C-alpha atoms as a PDB file:
ATOM      1  CA  MET A   1     -28.470  30.465  23.704  1.00  0.00           C
ATOM      2  CA  LEU A   2     -26.093  27.617  23.381  1.00  0.00           C
ATOM      3  CA  GLY A   3     -23.573  29.245  25.595  1.00  0.00           C
ATOM      4  CA  ASP A   4     -26.474  29.438  28.193  1.00  0.00           C
ATOM      5  CA  LEU A   5     -27.168  25.882  27.994  1.00  0.00           C
ATOM      6  CA  GLN A   6     -23.517  24.843  28.266  1.00  0.00           C
ATOM      7  CA  GLY A   7     -23.199  27.043  31.373  1.00  0.00           C
ATOM      8  CA  MET A   8     -26.386  25.494  32.996  1.00  0.00           C
ATOM      9  CA  MET A   9     -25.088  22.063  32.210  1.00  0.00           C
ATOM     10  CA  ALA A  10     -21.759  22.860  33.736  1.00  0.00           C
ATOM     11  CA  LYS A  11     -23.325  24.182  36.854  1.00  0.00           C
ATOM     12  CA  LEU A  12     -25.609  21.032  37.081  1.00  0.00           C
ATOM     13  CA  LYS A  13     -22.523  18.832  36.895  1.00  0.00           C
ATOM     14  CA  GLU A  14     -21.000  20.938  39.500  1.00  0.00           C
ATOM     15  CA  ALA A  15     -23.925  20.504  41.648  1.00  0.00           C
ATOM     16  CA  GLN A  16     -24.006  16.713  41.172  1.00  0.00           C
ATOM     17  CA  ALA A  17     -20.380  16.575  42.221  1.00  0.00           C
ATOM     18  CA  LYS A  18     -21.198  18.629  45.318  1.00  0.00           C
ATOM     19  CA  VAL A  19     -24.096  16.423  46.396  1.00  0.00           C
ATOM     20  CA  GLU A  20     -21.716  13.298  45.887  1.00  0.00           C
ATOM     21  CA  GLU A  21     -19.089  15.003  47.998  1.00  0.00           C
ATOM     22  CA  THR A  22     -21.586  15.857  50.628  1.00  0.00           C
ATOM     23  CA  LYS A  23     -22.922  12.310  50.840  1.00  0.00           C
ATOM     24  CA  GLU A  24     -19.310  10.915  51.239  1.00  0.00           C
ATOM     25  CA  ARG A  25     -18.716  13.630  54.097  1.00  0.00           C
ATOM     26  CA  LEU A  26     -22.098  12.551  55.702  1.00  0.00           C
ATOM     27  CA  ASN A  27     -20.725   9.076  56.134  1.00  0.00           C
ATOM     28  CA  THR A  28     -18.414  10.549  58.632  1.00  0.00           C
ATOM     29  CA  VAL A  29     -20.856  12.714  60.574  1.00  0.00           C
ATOM     30  CA  MET A  30     -22.176  10.434  63.610  1.00  0.00           C
ATOM     31  CA  VAL A  31     -25.229  11.088  65.672  1.00  0.00           C
ATOM     32  CA  ASP A  32     -26.556   9.299  68.806  1.00  0.00           C
ATOM     33  CA  GLY A  33     -30.163   8.372  69.924  1.00  0.00           C
ATOM     34  CA  ASP A  34     -30.482   7.200  73.488  1.00  0.00           C
ATOM     35  CA  SER A  35     -33.341   5.802  75.690  1.00  0.00           C
ATOM     36  CA  GLY A  36     -33.864   4.684  79.092  1.00  0.00           C
ATOM     37  CA  ASN A  37     -31.789   7.402  80.621  1.00  0.00           C
ATOM     38  CA  GLY A  38     -28.738   6.303  78.398  1.00  0.00           C
ATOM     39  CA  SER A  39     -29.292   2.328  79.023  1.00  0.00           C
ATOM     40  CA  VAL A  40     -29.378   2.141  75.196  1.00  0.00           C
ATOM     41  CA  VAL A  41     -27.401   4.246  72.737  1.00  0.00           C
ATOM     42  CA  VAL A  42     -27.690   3.968  69.100  1.00  0.00           C
ATOM     43  CA  THR A  43     -24.897   5.635  66.848  1.00  0.00           C
ATOM     44  CA  VAL A  44     -25.786   6.204  63.149  1.00  0.00           C
ATOM     45  CA  THR A  45     -24.184   8.165  60.487  1.00  0.00           C
ATOM     46  CA  ALA A  46     -26.088  11.234  58.776  1.00  0.00           C
ATOM     47  CA  ASN A  47     -26.715   8.727  55.880  1.00  0.00           C
ATOM     48  CA  ARG A  48     -28.722   6.794  58.323  1.00  0.00           C
ATOM     49  CA  GLU A  49     -26.301   3.730  58.447  1.00  0.00           C
ATOM     50  CA  VAL A  50     -26.281   2.236  62.183  1.00  0.00           C
ATOM     51  CA  LYS A  51     -22.690   1.915  63.248  1.00  0.00           C
ATOM     52  CA  ASN A  52     -23.045   1.180  66.871  1.00  0.00           C
ATOM     53  CA  ILE A  53     -25.562  -0.119  69.626  1.00  0.00           C
ATOM     54  CA  ALA A  54     -24.469   0.070  73.235  1.00  0.00           C
ATOM     55  CA  ILE A  55     -26.801  -1.619  75.790  1.00  0.00           C
ATOM     56  CA  ASP A  56     -26.580  -1.579  79.537  1.00  0.00           C
ATOM     57  CA  ASP A  57     -25.963  -5.054  80.923  1.00  0.00           C
ATOM     58  CA  GLU A  58     -29.021  -4.725  83.066  1.00  0.00           C
ATOM     59  CA  LEU A  59     -31.342  -4.618  80.196  1.00  0.00           C
ATOM     60  CA  LEU A  60     -30.307  -7.932  78.999  1.00  0.00           C
ATOM     61  CA  GLU A  61     -32.570  -9.600  81.311  1.00  0.00           C
ATOM     62  CA  ASP A  62     -35.688  -7.676  80.327  1.00  0.00           C
ATOM     63  CA  LYS A  63     -36.265  -8.565  76.661  1.00  0.00           C
ATOM     64  CA  GLU A  64     -39.562  -6.351  76.290  1.00  0.00           C
ATOM     65  CA  ALA A  65     -37.690  -3.278  77.735  1.00  0.00           C
ATOM     66  CA  LEU A  66     -34.850  -3.727  75.762  1.00  0.00           C
ATOM     67  CA  GLU A  67     -36.806  -4.021  72.584  1.00  0.00           C
ATOM     68  CA  ASP A  68     -38.839  -0.848  73.414  1.00  0.00           C
ATOM     69  CA  TYR A  69     -35.725   1.053  74.270  1.00  0.00           C
ATOM     70  CA  LEU A  70     -33.973   0.115  70.956  1.00  0.00           C
ATOM     71  CA  ILE A  71     -36.805   1.199  68.926  1.00  0.00           C
ATOM     72  CA  ILE A  72     -37.054   4.805  70.929  1.00  0.00           C
ATOM     73  CA  ALA A  73     -33.202   5.071  70.477  1.00  0.00           C
ATOM     74  CA  LEU A  74     -33.003   4.110  66.823  1.00  0.00           C
ATOM     75  CA  ASN A  75     -35.966   6.253  65.773  1.00  0.00           C
ATOM     76  CA  LYS A  76     -34.324   9.283  67.857  1.00  0.00           C
ATOM     77  CA  ALA A  77     -31.119   8.557  65.952  1.00  0.00           C
ATOM     78  CA  ILE A  78     -32.671   8.362  62.564  1.00  0.00           C
ATOM     79  CA  VAL A  79     -34.724  11.672  63.020  1.00  0.00           C
ATOM     80  CA  LYS A  80     -31.476  13.461  63.920  1.00  0.00           C
ATOM     81  CA  ALA A  81     -29.612  11.959  61.041  1.00  0.00           C
ATOM     82  CA  ASN A  82     -32.527  12.830  58.684  1.00  0.00           C
ATOM     83  CA  ASN A  83     -32.561  16.305  59.710  1.00  0.00           C
ATOM     84  CA  ILE A  84     -28.648  16.841  59.112  1.00  0.00           C
ATOM     85  CA  ASN A  85     -29.007  14.756  55.879  1.00  0.00           C
ATOM     86  CA  GLU A  86     -31.790  17.050  54.438  1.00  0.00           C
ATOM     87  CA  SER A  87     -30.179  20.170  55.491  1.00  0.00           C
ATOM     88  CA  GLU A  88     -26.818  19.415  54.008  1.00  0.00           C
ATOM     89  CA  MET A  89     -28.116  17.894  50.731  1.00  0.00           C
ATOM     90  CA  ALA A  90     -30.288  20.838  50.112  1.00  0.00           C
ATOM     91  CA  ALA A  91     -27.397  23.232  50.851  1.00  0.00           C
ATOM     92  CA  ALA A  92     -25.167  21.289  48.460  1.00  0.00           C
ATOM     93  CA  ALA A  93     -27.875  21.300  45.701  1.00  0.00           C
ATOM     94  CA  LYS A  94     -28.906  24.779  46.127  1.00  0.00           C
ATOM     95  CA  GLY A  95     -25.259  26.101  45.790  1.00  0.00           C
ATOM     96  CA  GLY A  96     -24.759  24.541  42.487  1.00  0.00           C
ATOM     97  CA  LEU A  97     -27.851  24.712  40.800  1.00  0.00           C
ATOM     98  CA  PRO A  98     -28.314  27.373  37.957  1.00  0.00           C
ATOM     99  CA  ASP A  99     -31.151  29.960  38.237  1.00  0.00           C
ATOM    100  CA  ILE A 100     -33.927  28.097  36.411  1.00  0.00           C
ATOM    101  CA  PRO A 101     -37.477  29.360  36.475  1.00  0.00           C
ATOM    102  CA  GLY A 102     -39.759  26.893  38.507  1.00  0.00           C
ATOM    103  CA  MET A 103     -36.754  25.313  40.189  1.00  0.00           C
ATOM    104  CA  ASP A 104     -36.742  27.018  43.549  1.00  0.00           C
ATOM    105  CA  MET A 105     -37.556  23.880  45.715  1.00  0.00           C
ATOM    106  CA  PHE A 106     -34.418  24.450  47.663  1.00  0.00           C
ATOM    107  CA  LYS A 107     -34.912  27.941  48.382  1.00  0.00           C
END
């Protein structure tokens, strides 16, 4: 029984390390969200950190349109980043978890 517990603890530490490695790697995965036919492009990491915002010069004269396009582009980028993040984190956690009854949330 003690050996099983030690094995499970080792697996949990391994899973935690994989999750941390995945978080670091996701900082290098970039996704774009755009709006207004590319007039606004927002780049975020898969950890949902905004890295760049590119705005077409023509939009600088139309504050309301710019605000709308920024919201749309940000939301698109965040959705893409969330999808990647959730998928990668679930895979990292699932791969290192021991087989514990009732702990099938990542399956």
